[in-house]
Amino acid sequence: MSLNDLNTRLGLAALAGAAFLVLVAIPQWVFSPSNVGNIILSPTFWPYILAAFLALVGVGLLLTPAGPVSDTEEDDPKGSPWLRLAGLGAIMILTMFALPRLGMVWSCMLAFAATAFMFRTRYPKAALVCAILVPLVLYAFFAHVAGVAIPQGQFVRLP
């Protein structure tokens, strides 16, 4: 199977998944009260946003030209996928132990950074910036705009 065929199949699958979410799953299984004043706080808002992003990814896969396909991966030695899978499992377990102690924001920062560096990202500076900013921005939104309590740790409390 060529890379172009794979992109086409994945793109069509993503579009089909987005259509299923928008047409069947969200209207059928996500309940939203009619008196929600702020649309962002509606239980159906974020599932529709995720479905839109899934459709956007599907369109991107369909429109992406296929690049050259190499038969060998020089960056991936034998046995490395299993080590990375074990490492990812260890990061997940450590995150679960860190959540009650450090809080959700700090634990997610560490998990994001550890995952990015374990998979040897090409952009370590951007990964580190995103590891810090994404959890902080999400915390600021949910804690201060949506009024949702985000679990805090025992050591450091965010305002």
Protein backbone atom coordinates (compact mmCIF):
# COMPACT_ATOMS: atom_id res chain seq x y z
CA MET A 1 0.00 0.00 0.00
CA SER A 2 1.45 3.35 -0.96
CA LEU A 3 1.48 6.41 1.26
CA ASN A 4 -1.08 8.13 -0.98
CA ASP A 5 -3.50 5.20 -0.61
CA LEU A 6 -3.00 5.23 3.15
CA ASN A 7 -3.61 8.99 3.35
CA THR A 8 -6.76 8.62 1.25
CA ARG A 9 -8.12 5.78 3.38
CA LEU A 10 -7.31 7.54 6.64
CA GLY A 11 -8.80 10.80 5.34
CA LEU A 12 -12.02 9.09 4.28
CA ALA A 13 -12.20 7.26 7.62
CA ALA A 14 -11.72 10.54 9.51
CA LEU A 15 -14.46 12.22 7.45
CA ALA A 16 -16.78 9.26 8.02
CA GLY A 17 -16.04 9.39 11.77
CA ALA A 18 -16.73 13.12 11.87
CA ALA A 19 -20.00 12.67 9.97
CA PHE A 20 -21.03 9.88 12.37
CA LEU A 21 -20.28 12.11 15.35
CA VAL A 22 -22.16 15.11 13.97
CA LEU A 23 -25.15 13.27 12.54
CA VAL A 24 -25.65 10.39 14.98
CA ALA A 25 -23.50 10.19 18.09
CA ILE A 26 -23.63 13.74 19.47
CA PRO A 27 -27.35 14.38 18.87
CA GLN A 28 -28.27 10.92 20.15
CA TRP A 29 -26.00 10.44 23.18
CA VAL A 30 -24.87 13.88 24.39
CA PHE A 31 -27.62 15.52 26.36
CA SER A 32 -27.76 19.29 26.71
CA PRO A 33 -30.28 21.27 28.70
CA SER A 34 -32.10 23.93 26.74
CA ASN A 35 -31.44 26.66 29.30
CA VAL A 36 -27.64 26.81 28.95
CA GLY A 37 -26.88 30.52 28.67
CA ASN A 38 -23.31 30.33 27.40
CA ILE A 39 -22.77 28.13 24.34
CA ILE A 40 -19.22 27.30 25.43
CA LEU A 41 -20.60 25.70 28.59
CA SER A 42 -23.05 23.55 26.64
CA PRO A 43 -22.21 19.82 26.84
CA THR A 44 -22.54 19.53 23.06
CA PHE A 45 -20.16 22.38 22.19
CA TRP A 46 -16.82 20.62 22.65
CA PRO A 47 -17.87 17.35 21.01
CA TYR A 48 -18.90 19.35 17.93
CA ILE A 49 -15.54 21.16 18.01
CA LEU A 50 -13.72 17.81 18.17
CA ALA A 51 -15.82 16.50 15.28
CA ALA A 52 -14.93 19.61 13.27
CA PHE A 53 -11.23 19.08 13.97
CA LEU A 54 -11.58 15.43 12.94
CA ALA A 55 -13.16 16.53 9.66
CA LEU A 56 -10.39 19.09 9.17
CA VAL A 57 -7.77 16.37 9.67
CA GLY A 58 -9.61 14.16 7.16
CA VAL A 59 -9.64 16.93 4.56
CA GLY A 60 -5.97 17.60 5.26
CA LEU A 61 -5.12 13.94 4.71
CA LEU A 62 -7.04 13.88 1.44
CA LEU A 63 -5.32 17.01 0.15
CA THR A 64 -1.80 16.15 1.30
CA PRO A 65 0.45 15.04 -1.54
CA ALA A 66 2.29 11.80 -0.91
CA GLY A 67 6.00 12.13 -0.32
CA PRO A 68 8.69 9.56 -0.96
CA VAL A 69 8.41 6.36 1.04
CA SER A 70 11.56 4.81 2.45
CA ASP A 71 11.75 1.09 3.13
CA THR A 72 14.11 1.46 6.06
CA GLU A 73 13.80 3.59 9.12
CA GLU A 74 17.24 4.66 10.25
CA ASP A 75 15.92 6.39 13.36
CA ASP A 76 14.08 3.30 14.59
CA PRO A 77 16.32 0.45 15.73
CA LYS A 78 14.93 -3.05 16.25
CA GLY A 79 12.96 -3.42 19.47
CA SER A 80 12.48 0.32 19.84
CA PRO A 81 8.68 0.31 19.35
CA TRP A 82 8.23 -2.02 22.32
CA LEU A 83 10.53 0.09 24.46
CA ARG A 84 8.60 3.21 23.54
CA LEU A 85 5.32 1.47 24.34
CA ALA A 86 6.69 0.43 27.73
CA GLY A 87 7.98 3.98 28.27
CA LEU A 88 4.59 5.43 27.41
CA GLY A 89 2.96 3.05 29.86
CA ALA A 90 5.44 4.14 32.53
CA ILE A 91 4.68 7.81 31.82
CA MET A 92 0.94 7.09 32.18
CA ILE A 93 1.43 5.28 35.48
CA LEU A 94 3.70 8.01 36.84
CA THR A 95 1.15 10.62 35.75
CA MET A 96 -1.57 8.86 37.72
CA PHE A 97 0.67 8.85 40.82
CA ALA A 98 1.63 12.50 40.27
CA LEU A 99 -1.92 13.82 39.82
CA PRO A 100 -2.94 13.89 43.50
CA ARG A 101 0.47 15.21 44.60
CA LEU A 102 1.30 17.80 41.92
CA GLY A 103 -2.15 18.57 40.56
CA MET A 104 -3.51 18.22 37.06
CA VAL A 105 -1.73 21.18 35.48
CA TRP A 106 1.81 20.36 36.65
CA SER A 107 1.38 16.62 36.03
CA CYS A 108 0.18 17.26 32.49
CA MET A 109 3.12 19.57 31.83
CA LEU A 110 5.57 16.86 32.89
CA ALA A 111 3.73 14.11 31.00
CA PHE A 112 3.58 16.20 27.81
CA ALA A 113 7.28 17.02 27.97
CA ALA A 114 8.30 13.46 28.84
CA THR A 115 6.25 12.05 25.97
CA ALA A 116 7.61 14.57 23.48
CA PHE A 117 11.21 13.87 24.42
CA MET A 118 10.71 10.12 24.61
CA PHE A 119 9.49 10.11 21.00
CA ARG A 120 12.42 12.39 20.03
CA THR A 121 10.51 15.26 18.55
CA ARG A 122 12.15 17.28 15.81
CA TYR A 123 11.09 20.47 17.57
CA PRO A 124 12.14 20.18 21.23
CA LYS A 125 11.84 23.91 21.95
CA ALA A 126 8.30 24.06 20.57
CA ALA A 127 7.40 20.90 22.49
CA LEU A 128 8.67 22.40 25.72
CA VAL A 129 6.79 25.67 25.13
CA CYS A 130 3.60 23.73 24.35
CA ALA A 131 4.13 21.48 27.39
CA ILE A 132 4.05 24.59 29.56
CA LEU A 133 1.53 26.81 27.78
CA VAL A 134 -1.21 24.33 26.80
CA PRO A 135 -1.97 23.13 30.36
CA LEU A 136 -1.76 26.70 31.70
CA VAL A 137 -4.11 28.09 29.07
CA LEU A 138 -6.56 25.23 29.59
CA TYR A 139 -6.40 25.78 33.35
CA ALA A 140 -7.01 29.51 32.92
CA PHE A 141 -10.00 28.88 30.69
CA PHE A 142 -11.66 26.18 32.76
CA ALA A 143 -10.90 27.67 36.17
CA HIS A 144 -11.57 31.32 35.43
CA VAL A 145 -13.96 31.40 32.46
CA ALA A 146 -15.97 28.20 32.75
CA GLY A 147 -15.81 28.08 36.55
CA VAL A 148 -14.76 24.42 36.67
CA ALA A 149 -12.58 23.35 39.58
CA ILE A 150 -9.30 21.88 38.34
CA PRO A 151 -7.60 19.52 40.80
CA GLN A 152 -4.70 21.24 42.53
CA GLY A 153 -1.68 19.52 44.05
CA GLN A 154 -0.44 19.41 47.60
CA PHE A 155 2.69 21.47 46.92
CA VAL A 156 1.89 24.27 44.45
CA ARG A 157 -1.48 25.97 44.04
CA LEU A 158 -2.40 28.03 40.99
CA PRO A 159 -4.48 31.19 41.39
